Protein backbone atom coordinates (compact mmCIF):
# COMPACT_ATOMS: atom_id res chain seq x y z
CA MET A 1 -2.46 -86.47 -14.40
CA PRO A 2 -6.26 -85.88 -13.82
CA PRO A 3 -8.91 -86.75 -16.48
CA ARG A 4 -9.70 -84.12 -18.94
CA SER A 5 -13.41 -82.70 -19.73
CA THR A 6 -12.04 -80.45 -22.52
CA PRO A 7 -9.60 -80.89 -25.33
CA ASP A 8 -6.03 -80.26 -24.67
CA PRO A 9 -5.30 -76.94 -26.56
CA ASP A 10 -1.67 -77.48 -26.55
CA LEU A 11 -2.04 -81.05 -28.16
CA LYS A 12 -0.23 -80.48 -31.95
CA SER A 13 -1.05 -84.23 -32.95
CA MET A 14 -3.91 -86.64 -33.26
CA PRO A 15 -4.99 -88.06 -29.71
CA PRO A 16 -3.53 -90.95 -28.70
CA GLY A 17 -6.93 -92.95 -28.92
CA VAL A 18 -7.28 -92.12 -32.45
CA PRO A 19 -4.86 -95.30 -34.10
CA TYR A 20 -7.00 -97.71 -31.69
CA ILE A 21 -9.88 -96.09 -33.57
CA ILE A 22 -8.67 -96.37 -36.97
CA GLY A 23 -7.43 -100.03 -36.45
CA ASN A 24 -10.61 -101.43 -35.37
CA GLU A 25 -12.31 -99.86 -37.87
CA ALA A 26 -10.27 -101.92 -40.58
CA ALA A 27 -10.11 -105.16 -38.87
CA GLU A 28 -13.98 -104.74 -38.68
CA ARG A 29 -14.10 -104.03 -42.55
CA PHE A 30 -11.50 -106.90 -43.35
CA SER A 31 -13.55 -109.04 -41.46
CA PHE A 32 -16.84 -107.90 -42.96
CA TYR A 33 -15.91 -108.10 -46.72
CA GLY A 34 -14.09 -111.65 -45.82
CA MET A 35 -17.11 -113.35 -44.67
CA LYS A 36 -19.29 -111.57 -47.23
CA GLY A 37 -16.65 -113.22 -49.88
CA ILE A 38 -16.61 -116.62 -48.35
CA LEU A 39 -20.15 -116.61 -48.06
CA THR A 40 -20.72 -115.90 -51.69
CA VAL A 41 -18.78 -118.62 -52.50
CA PHE A 42 -20.50 -120.95 -49.94
CA MET A 43 -23.92 -120.28 -51.23
CA THR A 44 -22.86 -120.72 -54.62
CA LYS A 45 -21.29 -124.45 -54.27
CA HIS A 46 -24.17 -125.77 -51.80
CA LEU A 47 -27.40 -123.89 -53.73
CA LEU A 48 -26.51 -124.89 -57.51
CA ASP A 49 -25.43 -128.12 -58.92
CA ALA A 50 -22.82 -128.58 -61.27
CA SER A 51 -24.89 -127.35 -64.50
CA GLY A 52 -25.70 -124.12 -62.41
CA ASN A 53 -29.46 -125.10 -61.60
CA PRO A 54 -31.13 -124.63 -58.19
CA ASP A 55 -29.95 -127.58 -55.97
CA VAL A 56 -33.12 -127.58 -53.74
CA MET A 57 -32.19 -129.88 -50.44
CA THR A 58 -34.89 -132.32 -49.21
CA ASP A 59 -35.96 -131.96 -45.56
CA GLU A 60 -33.99 -135.09 -44.68
CA GLU A 61 -30.70 -133.30 -46.38
CA ALA A 62 -31.42 -130.00 -43.98
CA LYS A 63 -31.82 -131.98 -41.03
CA GLY A 64 -28.34 -133.48 -41.50
CA SER A 65 -28.73 -136.82 -42.00
CA THR A 66 -25.89 -139.38 -40.24
CA THR A 67 -25.26 -141.06 -43.48
CA SER A 68 -21.52 -140.79 -45.35
CA SER A 69 -23.44 -140.29 -48.90
CA PRO A 70 -26.71 -137.97 -49.46
CA PRO A 71 -29.50 -139.74 -49.98
CA ALA A 72 -30.13 -140.41 -53.72
CA ARG A 73 -32.88 -137.56 -55.34
CA THR A 74 -36.15 -139.42 -56.86
CA SER A 75 -38.10 -136.03 -57.71
CA SER A 76 -37.23 -133.06 -59.26
CA PRO A 77 -36.60 -129.72 -57.29
CA SER A 78 -39.97 -128.44 -58.72
CA SER A 79 -41.98 -131.49 -56.97
CA ALA A 80 -39.99 -131.63 -53.94
CA HIS A 81 -41.17 -127.54 -53.37
CA SER A 82 -44.99 -128.59 -53.81
CA SER A 83 -44.88 -131.40 -51.57
CA ARG A 84 -43.62 -129.11 -48.41
CA MET A 85 -46.41 -126.46 -49.02
């Protein structure tokens, strides 16, 4: 059958490609909202300390030092910001 340039007037149901479009849209939405939820948990865990206060990273922590434990902090988060400005 040659390709058509106009809709088939005898077709009484959905075109054959519509289920693929619907399935693709469902997969995209599932992926988007799933990643949004994962990102929220990740950002909350890594940007707040146990008491819910902002947990600012030092430059060394942000660069990803190779030590197994993070270095002890000697300054408050507010002084860490002022030293980088």
